[in-house]
mmCIF file of all heavy atoms, coordinates in Angstrom:
data_MODEL
# 
_entry.id   MODEL 
# 
loop_
_atom_site.group_PDB 
_atom_site.id 
_atom_site.type_symbol 
_atom_site.label_atom_id 
_atom_site.label_alt_id 
_atom_site.label_comp_id 
_atom_site.label_asym_id 
_atom_site.label_entity_id 
_atom_site.label_seq_id 
_atom_site.pdbx_PDB_ins_code 
_atom_site.Cartn_x 
_atom_site.Cartn_y 
_atom_site.Cartn_z 
_atom_site.occupancy 
_atom_site.B_iso_or_equiv 
_atom_site.pdbx_formal_charge 
_atom_site.auth_seq_id 
_atom_site.auth_comp_id 
_atom_site.auth_asym_id 
_atom_site.auth_atom_id 
_atom_site.pdbx_PDB_model_num 
ATOM 1   N N   . VAL A 1 1  ? 48.045 49.524 -69.021 1.00 0.00 ? 1  VAL A N   1 
ATOM 2   C CA  . VAL A 1 1  ? 47.480 48.273 -69.555 1.00 0.00 ? 1  VAL A CA  1 
ATOM 3   C C   . VAL A 1 1  ? 47.854 48.059 -70.998 1.00 0.00 ? 1  VAL A C   1 
ATOM 4   O O   . VAL A 1 1  ? 48.339 47.034 -71.361 1.00 0.00 ? 1  VAL A O   1 
ATOM 5   C CB  . VAL A 1 1  ? 45.865 48.422 -69.427 1.00 0.00 ? 1  VAL A CB  1 
ATOM 6   C CG1 . VAL A 1 1  ? 45.233 47.202 -70.124 1.00 0.00 ? 1  VAL A CG1 1 
ATOM 7   C CG2 . VAL A 1 1  ? 45.500 48.332 -67.962 1.00 0.00 ? 1  VAL A CG2 1 
ATOM 8   N N   . TYR A 1 2  ? 47.650 49.102 -71.837 1.00 0.00 ? 2  TYR A N   1 
ATOM 9   C CA  . TYR A 1 2  ? 47.852 48.914 -73.258 1.00 0.00 ? 2  TYR A CA  1 
ATOM 10  C C   . TYR A 1 2  ? 49.295 48.841 -73.706 1.00 0.00 ? 2  TYR A C   1 
ATOM 11  O O   . TYR A 1 2  ? 49.585 48.113 -74.608 1.00 0.00 ? 2  TYR A O   1 
ATOM 12  C CB  . TYR A 1 2  ? 47.072 50.042 -73.994 1.00 0.00 ? 2  TYR A CB  1 
ATOM 13  C CG  . TYR A 1 2  ? 45.620 50.131 -73.654 1.00 0.00 ? 2  TYR A CG  1 
ATOM 14  C CD1 . TYR A 1 2  ? 44.891 51.295 -73.626 1.00 0.00 ? 2  TYR A CD1 1 
ATOM 15  C CD2 . TYR A 1 2  ? 44.901 48.934 -73.448 1.00 0.00 ? 2  TYR A CD2 1 
ATOM 16  C CE1 . TYR A 1 2  ? 43.679 51.360 -73.379 1.00 0.00 ? 2  TYR A CE1 1 
ATOM 17  C CE2 . TYR A 1 2  ? 43.499 49.084 -73.189 1.00 0.00 ? 2  TYR A CE2 1 
ATOM 18  C CZ  . TYR A 1 2  ? 42.861 50.234 -73.104 1.00 0.00 ? 2  TYR A CZ  1 
ATOM 19  O OH  . TYR A 1 2  ? 41.542 50.298 -72.839 1.00 0.00 ? 2  TYR A OH  1 
ATOM 20  N N   . VAL A 1 3  ? 50.175 49.653 -73.057 1.00 0.00 ? 3  VAL A N   1 
ATOM 21  C CA  . VAL A 1 3  ? 51.572 49.551 -73.395 1.00 0.00 ? 3  VAL A CA  1 
ATOM 22  C C   . VAL A 1 3  ? 52.094 48.190 -73.033 1.00 0.00 ? 3  VAL A C   1 
ATOM 23  O O   . VAL A 1 3  ? 52.803 47.550 -73.821 1.00 0.00 ? 3  VAL A O   1 
ATOM 24  C CB  . VAL A 1 3  ? 52.328 50.610 -72.565 1.00 0.00 ? 3  VAL A CB  1 
ATOM 25  C CG1 . VAL A 1 3  ? 53.868 50.312 -72.671 1.00 0.00 ? 3  VAL A CG1 1 
ATOM 26  C CG2 . VAL A 1 3  ? 52.186 51.993 -73.254 1.00 0.00 ? 3  VAL A CG2 1 
ATOM 27  N N   . THR A 1 4  ? 51.735 47.689 -71.860 1.00 0.00 ? 4  THR A N   1 
ATOM 28  C CA  . THR A 1 4  ? 52.206 46.328 -71.497 1.00 0.00 ? 4  THR A CA  1 
ATOM 29  C C   . THR A 1 4  ? 51.662 45.260 -72.517 1.00 0.00 ? 4  THR A C   1 
ATOM 30  O O   . THR A 1 4  ? 52.378 44.412 -72.947 1.00 0.00 ? 4  THR A O   1 
ATOM 31  C CB  . THR A 1 4  ? 51.686 46.021 -70.042 1.00 0.00 ? 4  THR A CB  1 
ATOM 32  O OG1 . THR A 1 4  ? 52.193 46.939 -69.126 1.00 0.00 ? 4  THR A OG1 1 
ATOM 33  C CG2 . THR A 1 4  ? 52.246 44.613 -69.668 1.00 0.00 ? 4  THR A CG2 1 
ATOM 34  N N   . SER A 1 5  ? 50.395 45.341 -72.798 1.00 0.00 ? 5  SER A N   1 
ATOM 35  C CA  . SER A 1 5  ? 49.770 44.420 -73.767 1.00 0.00 ? 5  SER A CA  1 
ATOM 36  C C   . SER A 1 5  ? 50.473 44.470 -75.064 1.00 0.00 ? 5  SER A C   1 
ATOM 37  O O   . SER A 1 5  ? 50.789 43.385 -75.628 1.00 0.00 ? 5  SER A O   1 
ATOM 38  C CB  . SER A 1 5  ? 48.280 44.723 -73.904 1.00 0.00 ? 5  SER A CB  1 
ATOM 39  O OG  . SER A 1 5  ? 47.585 44.623 -72.706 1.00 0.00 ? 5  SER A OG  1 
ATOM 40  N N   . PHE A 1 6  ? 50.749 45.579 -75.602 1.00 0.00 ? 6  PHE A N   1 
ATOM 41  C CA  . PHE A 1 6  ? 51.410 45.798 -76.892 1.00 0.00 ? 6  PHE A CA  1 
ATOM 42  C C   . PHE A 1 6  ? 52.818 45.323 -76.900 1.00 0.00 ? 6  PHE A C   1 
ATOM 43  O O   . PHE A 1 6  ? 53.183 44.525 -77.731 1.00 0.00 ? 6  PHE A O   1 
ATOM 44  C CB  . PHE A 1 6  ? 51.274 47.285 -77.308 1.00 0.00 ? 6  PHE A CB  1 
ATOM 45  C CG  . PHE A 1 6  ? 51.898 47.538 -78.698 1.00 0.00 ? 6  PHE A CG  1 
ATOM 46  C CD1 . PHE A 1 6  ? 51.206 47.313 -79.840 1.00 0.00 ? 6  PHE A CD1 1 
ATOM 47  C CD2 . PHE A 1 6  ? 53.168 48.069 -78.756 1.00 0.00 ? 6  PHE A CD2 1 
ATOM 48  C CE1 . PHE A 1 6  ? 51.748 47.595 -81.014 1.00 0.00 ? 6  PHE A CE1 1 
ATOM 49  C CE2 . PHE A 1 6  ? 53.771 48.381 -79.970 1.00 0.00 ? 6  PHE A CE2 1 
ATOM 50  C CZ  . PHE A 1 6  ? 53.009 48.096 -81.109 1.00 0.00 ? 6  PHE A CZ  1 
ATOM 51  N N   . PHE A 1 7  ? 53.589 45.782 -75.985 1.00 0.00 ? 7  PHE A N   1 
ATOM 52  C CA  . PHE A 1 7  ? 55.050 45.457 -75.974 1.00 0.00 ? 7  PHE A CA  1 
ATOM 53  C C   . PHE A 1 7  ? 55.338 44.017 -75.615 1.00 0.00 ? 7  PHE A C   1 
ATOM 54  O O   . PHE A 1 7  ? 56.210 43.380 -76.279 1.00 0.00 ? 7  PHE A O   1 
ATOM 55  C CB  . PHE A 1 7  ? 55.771 46.408 -74.995 1.00 0.00 ? 7  PHE A CB  1 
ATOM 56  C CG  . PHE A 1 7  ? 56.074 47.764 -75.531 1.00 0.00 ? 7  PHE A CG  1 
ATOM 57  C CD1 . PHE A 1 7  ? 55.124 48.695 -75.497 1.00 0.00 ? 7  PHE A CD1 1 
ATOM 58  C CD2 . PHE A 1 7  ? 57.329 48.087 -76.150 1.00 0.00 ? 7  PHE A CD2 1 
ATOM 59  C CE1 . PHE A 1 7  ? 55.352 49.962 -76.049 1.00 0.00 ? 7  PHE A CE1 1 
ATOM 60  C CE2 . PHE A 1 7  ? 57.558 49.291 -76.717 1.00 0.00 ? 7  PHE A CE2 1 
ATOM 61  C CZ  . PHE A 1 7  ? 56.571 50.254 -76.645 1.00 0.00 ? 7  PHE A CZ  1 
ATOM 62  N N   . VAL A 1 8  ? 54.632 43.455 -74.693 1.00 0.00 ? 8  VAL A N   1 
ATOM 63  C CA  . VAL A 1 8  ? 54.826 42.010 -74.292 1.00 0.00 ? 8  VAL A CA  1 
ATOM 64  C C   . VAL A 1 8  ? 54.402 41.150 -75.529 1.00 0.00 ? 8  VAL A C   1 
ATOM 65  O O   . VAL A 1 8  ? 55.107 40.184 -75.869 1.00 0.00 ? 8  VAL A O   1 
ATOM 66  C CB  . VAL A 1 8  ? 54.078 41.626 -73.097 1.00 0.00 ? 8  VAL A CB  1 
ATOM 67  C CG1 . VAL A 1 8  ? 54.109 40.147 -72.853 1.00 0.00 ? 8  VAL A CG1 1 
ATOM 68  C CG2 . VAL A 1 8  ? 54.671 42.327 -71.829 1.00 0.00 ? 8  VAL A CG2 1 
ATOM 69  N N   . ALA A 1 9  ? 53.266 41.448 -76.134 1.00 0.00 ? 9  ALA A N   1 
ATOM 70  C CA  . ALA A 1 9  ? 52.910 40.676 -77.289 1.00 0.00 ? 9  ALA A CA  1 
ATOM 71  C C   . ALA A 1 9  ? 53.874 40.748 -78.435 1.00 0.00 ? 9  ALA A C   1 
ATOM 72  O O   . ALA A 1 9  ? 54.162 39.783 -79.084 1.00 0.00 ? 9  ALA A O   1 
ATOM 73  C CB  . ALA A 1 9  ? 51.498 41.194 -77.792 1.00 0.00 ? 9  ALA A CB  1 
ATOM 74  N N   . ALA A 1 10 ? 54.428 41.950 -78.669 1.00 0.00 ? 10 ALA A N   1 
ATOM 75  C CA  . ALA A 1 10 ? 55.470 42.091 -79.699 1.00 0.00 ? 10 ALA A CA  1 
ATOM 76  C C   . ALA A 1 10 ? 56.717 41.234 -79.381 1.00 0.00 ? 10 ALA A C   1 
ATOM 77  O O   . ALA A 1 10 ? 57.330 40.592 -80.264 1.00 0.00 ? 10 ALA A O   1 
ATOM 78  C CB  . ALA A 1 10 ? 55.854 43.585 -79.852 1.00 0.00 ? 10 ALA A CB  1 
ATOM 79  N N   . ALA A 1 11 ? 57.095 41.226 -78.088 1.00 0.00 ? 11 ALA A N   1 
ATOM 80  C CA  . ALA A 1 11 ? 58.293 40.447 -77.683 1.00 0.00 ? 11 ALA A CA  1 
ATOM 81  C C   . ALA A 1 11 ? 58.033 38.925 -77.762 1.00 0.00 ? 11 ALA A C   1 
ATOM 82  O O   . ALA A 1 11 ? 58.967 38.189 -78.037 1.00 0.00 ? 11 ALA A O   1 
ATOM 83  C CB  . ALA A 1 11 ? 58.753 40.798 -76.219 1.00 0.00 ? 11 ALA A CB  1 
ATOM 84  N N   . MET A 1 12 ? 56.795 38.489 -77.532 1.00 0.00 ? 12 MET A N   1 
ATOM 85  C CA  . MET A 1 12 ? 56.519 37.072 -77.540 1.00 0.00 ? 12 MET A CA  1 
ATOM 86  C C   . MET A 1 12 ? 55.876 36.574 -78.816 1.00 0.00 ? 12 MET A C   1 
ATOM 87  O O   . MET A 1 12 ? 55.498 35.402 -78.908 1.00 0.00 ? 12 MET A O   1 
ATOM 88  C CB  . MET A 1 12 ? 55.583 36.787 -76.378 1.00 0.00 ? 12 MET A CB  1 
ATOM 89  C CG  . MET A 1 12 ? 56.050 37.265 -75.022 1.00 0.00 ? 12 MET A CG  1 
ATOM 90  S SD  . MET A 1 12 ? 57.666 36.649 -74.546 1.00 0.00 ? 12 MET A SD  1 
ATOM 91  C CE  . MET A 1 12 ? 57.275 34.875 -74.211 1.00 0.00 ? 12 MET A CE  1 
ATOM 92  N N   . ALA A 1 13 ? 55.751 37.412 -79.829 1.00 0.00 ? 13 ALA A N   1 
ATOM 93  C CA  . ALA A 1 13 ? 55.019 37.045 -81.020 1.00 0.00 ? 13 ALA A CA  1 
ATOM 94  C C   . ALA A 1 13 ? 55.576 35.777 -81.724 1.00 0.00 ? 13 ALA A C   1 
ATOM 95  O O   . ALA A 1 13 ? 54.804 34.998 -82.219 1.00 0.00 ? 13 ALA A O   1 
ATOM 96  C CB  . ALA A 1 13 ? 55.084 38.263 -82.011 1.00 0.00 ? 13 ALA A CB  1 
ATOM 97  N N   . MET A 1 14 ? 56.868 35.608 -81.704 1.00 0.00 ? 14 MET A N   1 
ATOM 98  C CA  . MET A 1 14 ? 57.442 34.502 -82.458 1.00 0.00 ? 14 MET A CA  1 
ATOM 99  C C   . MET A 1 14 ? 57.882 33.314 -81.495 1.00 0.00 ? 14 MET A C   1 
ATOM 100 O O   . MET A 1 14 ? 58.580 32.428 -81.889 1.00 0.00 ? 14 MET A O   1 
ATOM 101 C CB  . MET A 1 14 ? 58.738 34.994 -83.239 1.00 0.00 ? 14 MET A CB  1 
ATOM 102 C CG  . MET A 1 14 ? 58.461 36.129 -84.187 1.00 0.00 ? 14 MET A CG  1 
ATOM 103 S SD  . MET A 1 14 ? 57.289 35.707 -85.426 1.00 0.00 ? 14 MET A SD  1 
ATOM 104 C CE  . MET A 1 14 ? 58.235 34.401 -86.394 1.00 0.00 ? 14 MET A CE  1 
ATOM 105 N N   . ARG A 1 15 ? 57.424 33.410 -80.252 1.00 0.00 ? 15 ARG A N   1 
ATOM 106 C CA  . ARG A 1 15 ? 57.793 32.357 -79.293 1.00 0.00 ? 15 ARG A CA  1 
ATOM 107 C C   . ARG A 1 15 ? 56.748 31.230 -79.311 1.00 0.00 ? 15 ARG A C   1 
ATOM 108 O O   . ARG A 1 15 ? 55.669 31.404 -78.789 1.00 0.00 ? 15 ARG A O   1 
ATOM 109 C CB  . ARG A 1 15 ? 57.908 32.953 -77.946 1.00 0.00 ? 15 ARG A CB  1 
ATOM 110 C CG  . ARG A 1 15 ? 58.881 34.121 -77.864 1.00 0.00 ? 15 ARG A CG  1 
ATOM 111 C CD  . ARG A 1 15 ? 60.170 33.736 -77.495 1.00 0.00 ? 15 ARG A CD  1 
ATOM 112 N NE  . ARG A 1 15 ? 61.135 34.745 -77.493 1.00 0.00 ? 15 ARG A NE  1 
ATOM 113 C CZ  . ARG A 1 15 ? 62.358 34.714 -77.000 1.00 0.00 ? 15 ARG A CZ  1 
ATOM 114 N NH1 . ARG A 1 15 ? 62.754 33.680 -76.404 1.00 0.00 ? 15 ARG A NH1 1 
ATOM 115 N NH2 . ARG A 1 15 ? 63.206 35.727 -77.130 1.00 0.00 ? 15 ARG A NH2 1 
ATOM 116 N N   . ASN A 1 16 ? 57.082 30.089 -79.903 1.00 0.00 ? 16 ASN A N   1 
ATOM 117 C CA  . ASN A 1 16 ? 56.144 29.022 -79.991 1.00 0.00 ? 16 ASN A CA  1 
ATOM 118 C C   . ASN A 1 16 ? 55.733 28.443 -78.590 1.00 0.00 ? 16 ASN A C   1 
ATOM 119 O O   . ASN A 1 16 ? 54.659 28.048 -78.378 1.00 0.00 ? 16 ASN A O   1 
ATOM 120 C CB  . ASN A 1 16 ? 56.695 27.809 -80.825 1.00 0.00 ? 16 ASN A CB  1 
ATOM 121 C CG  . ASN A 1 16 ? 56.781 28.238 -82.292 1.00 0.00 ? 16 ASN A CG  1 
ATOM 122 O OD1 . ASN A 1 16 ? 56.023 28.978 -82.775 1.00 0.00 ? 16 ASN A OD1 1 
ATOM 123 N ND2 . ASN A 1 16 ? 57.720 27.655 -82.989 1.00 0.00 ? 16 ASN A ND2 1 
ATOM 124 N N   . ASP A 1 17 ? 56.781 28.487 -77.616 1.00 0.00 ? 17 ASP A N   1 
ATOM 125 C CA  . ASP A 1 17 ? 56.403 27.989 -76.236 1.00 0.00 ? 17 ASP A CA  1 
ATOM 126 C C   . ASP A 1 17 ? 55.392 28.840 -75.598 1.00 0.00 ? 17 ASP A C   1 
ATOM 127 O O   . ASP A 1 17 ? 54.551 28.297 -74.859 1.00 0.00 ? 17 ASP A O   1 
ATOM 128 C CB  . ASP A 1 17 ? 57.629 27.805 -75.459 1.00 0.00 ? 17 ASP A CB  1 
ATOM 129 C CG  . ASP A 1 17 ? 58.555 29.152 -75.452 1.00 0.00 ? 17 ASP A CG  1 
ATOM 130 O OD1 . ASP A 1 17 ? 58.272 30.055 -76.346 1.00 0.00 ? 17 ASP A OD1 1 
ATOM 131 O OD2 . ASP A 1 17 ? 59.498 29.299 -74.651 1.00 0.00 ? 17 ASP A OD2 1 
ATOM 132 N N   . TYR A 1 18 ? 55.395 30.148 -75.859 1.00 0.00 ? 18 TYR A N   1 
ATOM 133 C CA  . TYR A 1 18 ? 54.444 31.103 -75.305 1.00 0.00 ? 18 TYR A CA  1 
ATOM 134 C C   . TYR A 1 18 ? 53.017 30.739 -75.838 1.00 0.00 ? 18 TYR A C   1 
ATOM 135 O O   . TYR A 1 18 ? 52.076 30.649 -75.143 1.00 0.00 ? 18 TYR A O   1 
ATOM 136 C CB  . TYR A 1 18 ? 54.887 32.548 -75.700 1.00 0.00 ? 18 TYR A CB  1 
ATOM 137 C CG  . TYR A 1 18 ? 53.842 33.606 -75.487 1.00 0.00 ? 18 TYR A CG  1 
ATOM 138 C CD1 . TYR A 1 18 ? 53.582 34.072 -74.173 1.00 0.00 ? 18 TYR A CD1 1 
ATOM 139 C CD2 . TYR A 1 18 ? 53.095 34.111 -76.564 1.00 0.00 ? 18 TYR A CD2 1 
ATOM 140 C CE1 . TYR A 1 18 ? 52.627 35.083 -73.994 1.00 0.00 ? 18 TYR A CE1 1 
ATOM 141 C CE2 . TYR A 1 18 ? 52.163 35.106 -76.318 1.00 0.00 ? 18 TYR A CE2 1 
ATOM 142 C CZ  . TYR A 1 18 ? 51.933 35.570 -75.029 1.00 0.00 ? 18 TYR A CZ  1 
ATOM 143 O OH  . TYR A 1 18 ? 50.990 36.565 -74.874 1.00 0.00 ? 18 TYR A OH  1 
ATOM 144 N N   . TRP A 1 19 ? 52.979 30.543 -77.207 1.00 0.00 ? 19 TRP A N   1 
ATOM 145 C CA  . TRP A 1 19 ? 51.662 30.263 -77.705 1.00 0.00 ? 19 TRP A CA  1 
ATOM 146 C C   . TRP A 1 19 ? 51.194 28.864 -77.342 1.00 0.00 ? 19 TRP A C   1 
ATOM 147 O O   . TRP A 1 19 ? 49.961 28.649 -77.185 1.00 0.00 ? 19 TRP A O   1 
ATOM 148 C CB  . TRP A 1 19 ? 51.672 30.449 -79.262 1.00 0.00 ? 19 TRP A CB  1 
ATOM 149 C CG  . TRP A 1 19 ? 51.755 31.927 -79.638 1.00 0.00 ? 19 TRP A CG  1 
ATOM 150 C CD1 . TRP A 1 19 ? 52.892 32.566 -79.999 1.00 0.00 ? 19 TRP A CD1 1 
ATOM 151 C CD2 . TRP A 1 19 ? 50.693 32.845 -79.598 1.00 0.00 ? 19 TRP A CD2 1 
ATOM 152 N NE1 . TRP A 1 19 ? 52.590 33.912 -80.183 1.00 0.00 ? 19 TRP A NE1 1 
ATOM 153 C CE2 . TRP A 1 19 ? 51.308 34.160 -79.890 1.00 0.00 ? 19 TRP A CE2 1 
ATOM 154 C CE3 . TRP A 1 19 ? 49.403 32.744 -79.277 1.00 0.00 ? 19 TRP A CE3 1 
ATOM 155 C CZ2 . TRP A 1 19 ? 50.455 35.182 -80.000 1.00 0.00 ? 19 TRP A CZ2 1 
ATOM 156 C CZ3 . TRP A 1 19 ? 48.647 33.894 -79.308 1.00 0.00 ? 19 TRP A CZ3 1 
ATOM 157 C CH2 . TRP A 1 19 ? 49.145 35.156 -79.715 1.00 0.00 ? 19 TRP A CH2 1 
ATOM 158 N N   . ASP A 1 20 ? 52.074 27.927 -77.173 1.00 0.00 ? 20 ASP A N   1 
ATOM 159 C CA  . ASP A 1 20 ? 51.671 26.610 -76.731 1.00 0.00 ? 20 ASP A CA  1 
ATOM 160 C C   . ASP A 1 20 ? 51.095 26.681 -75.342 1.00 0.00 ? 20 ASP A C   1 
ATOM 161 O O   . ASP A 1 20 ? 50.151 25.978 -74.986 1.00 0.00 ? 20 ASP A O   1 
ATOM 162 C CB  . ASP A 1 20 ? 52.861 25.649 -76.752 1.00 0.00 ? 20 ASP A CB  1 
ATOM 163 C CG  . ASP A 1 20 ? 53.336 25.256 -78.182 1.00 0.00 ? 20 ASP A CG  1 
ATOM 164 O OD1 . ASP A 1 20 ? 52.552 25.494 -79.106 1.00 0.00 ? 20 ASP A OD1 1 
ATOM 165 O OD2 . ASP A 1 20 ? 54.506 24.850 -78.319 1.00 0.00 ? 20 ASP A OD2 1 
ATOM 166 N N   . ALA A 1 21 ? 51.693 27.550 -74.505 1.00 0.00 ? 21 ALA A N   1 
ATOM 167 C CA  . ALA A 1 21 ? 51.173 27.648 -73.112 1.00 0.00 ? 21 ALA A CA  1 
ATOM 168 C C   . ALA A 1 21 ? 49.811 28.281 -73.122 1.00 0.00 ? 21 ALA A C   1 
ATOM 169 O O   . ALA A 1 21 ? 48.946 27.879 -72.310 1.00 0.00 ? 21 ALA A O   1 
ATOM 170 C CB  . ALA A 1 21 ? 52.181 28.475 -72.370 1.00 0.00 ? 21 ALA A CB  1 
ATOM 171 N N   . ILE A 1 22 ? 49.562 29.253 -74.041 1.00 0.00 ? 22 ILE A N   1 
ATOM 172 C CA  . ILE A 1 22 ? 48.216 29.855 -74.129 1.00 0.00 ? 22 ILE A CA  1 
ATOM 173 C C   . ILE A 1 22 ? 47.241 28.796 -74.541 1.00 0.00 ? 22 ILE A C   1 
ATOM 174 O O   . ILE A 1 22 ? 46.126 28.675 -73.961 1.00 0.00 ? 22 ILE A O   1 
ATOM 175 C CB  . ILE A 1 22 ? 48.285 31.003 -75.034 1.00 0.00 ? 22 ILE A CB  1 
ATOM 176 C CG1 . ILE A 1 22 ? 48.895 32.199 -74.440 1.00 0.00 ? 22 ILE A CG1 1 
ATOM 177 C CG2 . ILE A 1 22 ? 46.877 31.457 -75.589 1.00 0.00 ? 22 ILE A CG2 1 
ATOM 178 C CD1 . ILE A 1 22 ? 49.008 33.485 -75.304 1.00 0.00 ? 22 ILE A CD1 1 
ATOM 179 N N   . VAL A 1 23 ? 47.594 27.950 -75.488 1.00 0.00 ? 23 VAL A N   1 
ATOM 180 C CA  . VAL A 1 23 ? 46.656 26.915 -75.967 1.00 0.00 ? 23 VAL A CA  1 
ATOM 181 C C   . VAL A 1 23 ? 46.404 25.958 -74.820 1.00 0.00 ? 23 VAL A C   1 
ATOM 182 O O   . VAL A 1 23 ? 45.266 25.467 -74.635 1.00 0.00 ? 23 VAL A O   1 
ATOM 183 C CB  . VAL A 1 23 ? 47.241 26.234 -77.159 1.00 0.00 ? 23 VAL A CB  1 
ATOM 184 C CG1 . VAL A 1 23 ? 46.432 24.992 -77.533 1.00 0.00 ? 23 VAL A CG1 1 
ATOM 185 C CG2 . VAL A 1 23 ? 47.273 27.122 -78.400 1.00 0.00 ? 23 VAL A CG2 1 
ATOM 186 N N   . ASN A 1 24 ? 47.442 25.587 -74.098 1.00 0.00 ? 24 ASN A N   1 
ATOM 187 C CA  . ASN A 1 24 ? 47.343 24.591 -73.084 1.00 0.00 ? 24 ASN A CA  1 
ATOM 188 C C   . ASN A 1 24 ? 46.437 25.093 -71.883 1.00 0.00 ? 24 ASN A C   1 
ATOM 189 O O   . ASN A 1 24 ? 45.783 24.333 -71.155 1.00 0.00 ? 24 ASN A O   1 
ATOM 190 C CB  . ASN A 1 24 ? 48.662 24.098 -72.484 1.00 0.00 ? 24 ASN A CB  1 
ATOM 191 C CG  . ASN A 1 24 ? 49.432 23.310 -73.522 1.00 0.00 ? 24 ASN A CG  1 
ATOM 192 O OD1 . ASN A 1 24 ? 48.848 22.712 -74.431 1.00 0.00 ? 24 ASN A OD1 1 
ATOM 193 N ND2 . ASN A 1 24 ? 50.754 23.413 -73.414 1.00 0.00 ? 24 ASN A ND2 1 
ATOM 194 N N   . MET A 1 25 ? 46.409 26.413 -71.640 1.00 0.00 ? 25 MET A N   1 
ATOM 195 C CA  . MET A 1 25 ? 45.682 27.007 -70.510 1.00 0.00 ? 25 MET A CA  1 
ATOM 196 C C   . MET A 1 25 ? 44.366 27.484 -70.951 1.00 0.00 ? 25 MET A C   1 
ATOM 197 O O   . MET A 1 25 ? 43.674 28.145 -70.156 1.00 0.00 ? 25 MET A O   1 
ATOM 198 C CB  . MET A 1 25 ? 46.507 28.047 -69.889 1.00 0.00 ? 25 MET A CB  1 
ATOM 199 C CG  . MET A 1 25 ? 47.802 27.658 -69.294 1.00 0.00 ? 25 MET A CG  1 
ATOM 200 S SD  . MET A 1 25 ? 47.543 26.295 -68.004 1.00 0.00 ? 25 MET A SD  1 
ATOM 201 C CE  . MET A 1 25 ? 46.594 27.256 -66.808 1.00 0.00 ? 25 MET A CE  1 
ATOM 202 N N   . ARG A 1 26 ? 43.857 27.213 -72.154 1.00 0.00 ? 26 ARG A N   1 
ATOM 203 C CA  . ARG A 1 26 ? 42.661 27.842 -72.712 1.00 0.00 ? 26 ARG A CA  1 
ATOM 204 C C   . ARG A 1 26 ? 41.467 27.314 -71.791 1.00 0.00 ? 26 ARG A C   1 
ATOM 205 O O   . ARG A 1 26 ? 40.511 28.150 -71.595 1.00 0.00 ? 26 ARG A O   1 
ATOM 206 C CB  . ARG A 1 26 ? 42.499 27.510 -74.171 1.00 0.00 ? 26 ARG A CB  1 
ATOM 207 C CG  . ARG A 1 26 ? 42.181 26.035 -74.497 1.00 0.00 ? 26 ARG A CG  1 
ATOM 208 C CD  . ARG A 1 26 ? 42.239 25.827 -76.035 1.00 0.00 ? 26 ARG A CD  1 
ATOM 209 N NE  . ARG A 1 26 ? 41.865 24.461 -76.415 1.00 0.00 ? 26 ARG A NE  1 
ATOM 210 C CZ  . ARG A 1 26 ? 42.636 23.387 -76.241 1.00 0.00 ? 26 ARG A CZ  1 
ATOM 211 N NH1 . ARG A 1 26 ? 43.892 23.558 -75.803 1.00 0.00 ? 26 ARG A NH1 1 
ATOM 212 N NH2 . ARG A 1 26 ? 42.225 22.214 -76.638 1.00 0.00 ? 26 ARG A NH2 1 
ATOM 213 N N   . ARG A 1 27 ? 41.429 26.032 -71.445 1.00 0.00 ? 27 ARG A N   1 
ATOM 214 C CA  . ARG A 1 27 ? 40.251 25.579 -70.668 1.00 0.00 ? 27 ARG A CA  1 
ATOM 215 C C   . ARG A 1 27 ? 40.195 26.165 -69.337 1.00 0.00 ? 27 ARG A C   1 
ATOM 216 O O   . ARG A 1 27 ? 39.138 26.644 -68.963 1.00 0.00 ? 27 ARG A O   1 
ATOM 217 C CB  . ARG A 1 27 ? 40.307 24.031 -70.716 1.00 0.00 ? 27 ARG A CB  1 
ATOM 218 C CG  . ARG A 1 27 ? 40.081 23.337 -71.958 1.00 0.00 ? 27 ARG A CG  1 
ATOM 219 C CD  . ARG A 1 27 ? 39.920 21.877 -71.838 1.00 0.00 ? 27 ARG A CD  1 
ATOM 220 N NE  . ARG A 1 27 ? 39.791 21.148 -73.081 1.00 0.00 ? 27 ARG A NE  1 
ATOM 221 C CZ  . ARG A 1 27 ? 40.815 20.705 -73.874 1.00 0.00 ? 27 ARG A CZ  1 
ATOM 222 N NH1 . ARG A 1 27 ? 42.068 20.810 -73.377 1.00 0.00 ? 27 ARG A NH1 1 
ATOM 223 N NH2 . ARG A 1 27 ? 40.599 20.171 -74.945 1.00 0.00 ? 27 ARG A NH2 1 
ATOM 224 N N   . PRO A 1 28 ? 41.234 26.080 -68.448 1.00 0.00 ? 28 PRO A N   1 
ATOM 225 C CA  . PRO A 1 28 ? 41.094 26.765 -67.201 1.00 0.00 ? 28 PRO A CA  1 
ATOM 226 C C   . PRO A 1 28 ? 40.871 28.273 -67.286 1.00 0.00 ? 28 PRO A C   1 
ATOM 227 O O   . PRO A 1 28 ? 40.080 28.954 -66.526 1.00 0.00 ? 28 PRO A O   1 
ATOM 228 C CB  . PRO A 1 28 ? 42.425 26.520 -66.530 1.00 0.00 ? 28 PRO A CB  1 
ATOM 229 C CG  . PRO A 1 28 ? 43.324 25.949 -67.498 1.00 0.00 ? 28 PRO A CG  1 
ATOM 230 C CD  . PRO A 1 28 ? 42.492 25.320 -68.593 1.00 0.00 ? 28 PRO A CD  1 
ATOM 231 N N   . ALA A 1 29 ? 41.432 28.852 -68.405 1.00 0.00 ? 29 ALA A N   1 
ATOM 232 C CA  . ALA A 1 29 ? 41.090 30.376 -68.574 1.00 0.00 ? 29 ALA A CA  1 
ATOM 233 C C   . ALA A 1 29 ? 39.739 30.530 -68.822 1.00 0.00 ? 29 ALA A C   1 
ATOM 234 O O   . ALA A 1 29 ? 39.082 31.532 -68.318 1.00 0.00 ? 29 ALA A O   1 
ATOM 235 C CB  . ALA A 1 29 ? 41.998 30.851 -69.744 1.00 0.00 ? 29 ALA A CB  1 
# 
């Protein structure tokens, strides 16, 4: 759980499209 959480977050940290998707899915989430 934690290795995946940490490594994926590090890989996607600078990806604006990733963060935009998180913002867009906040209501259904």
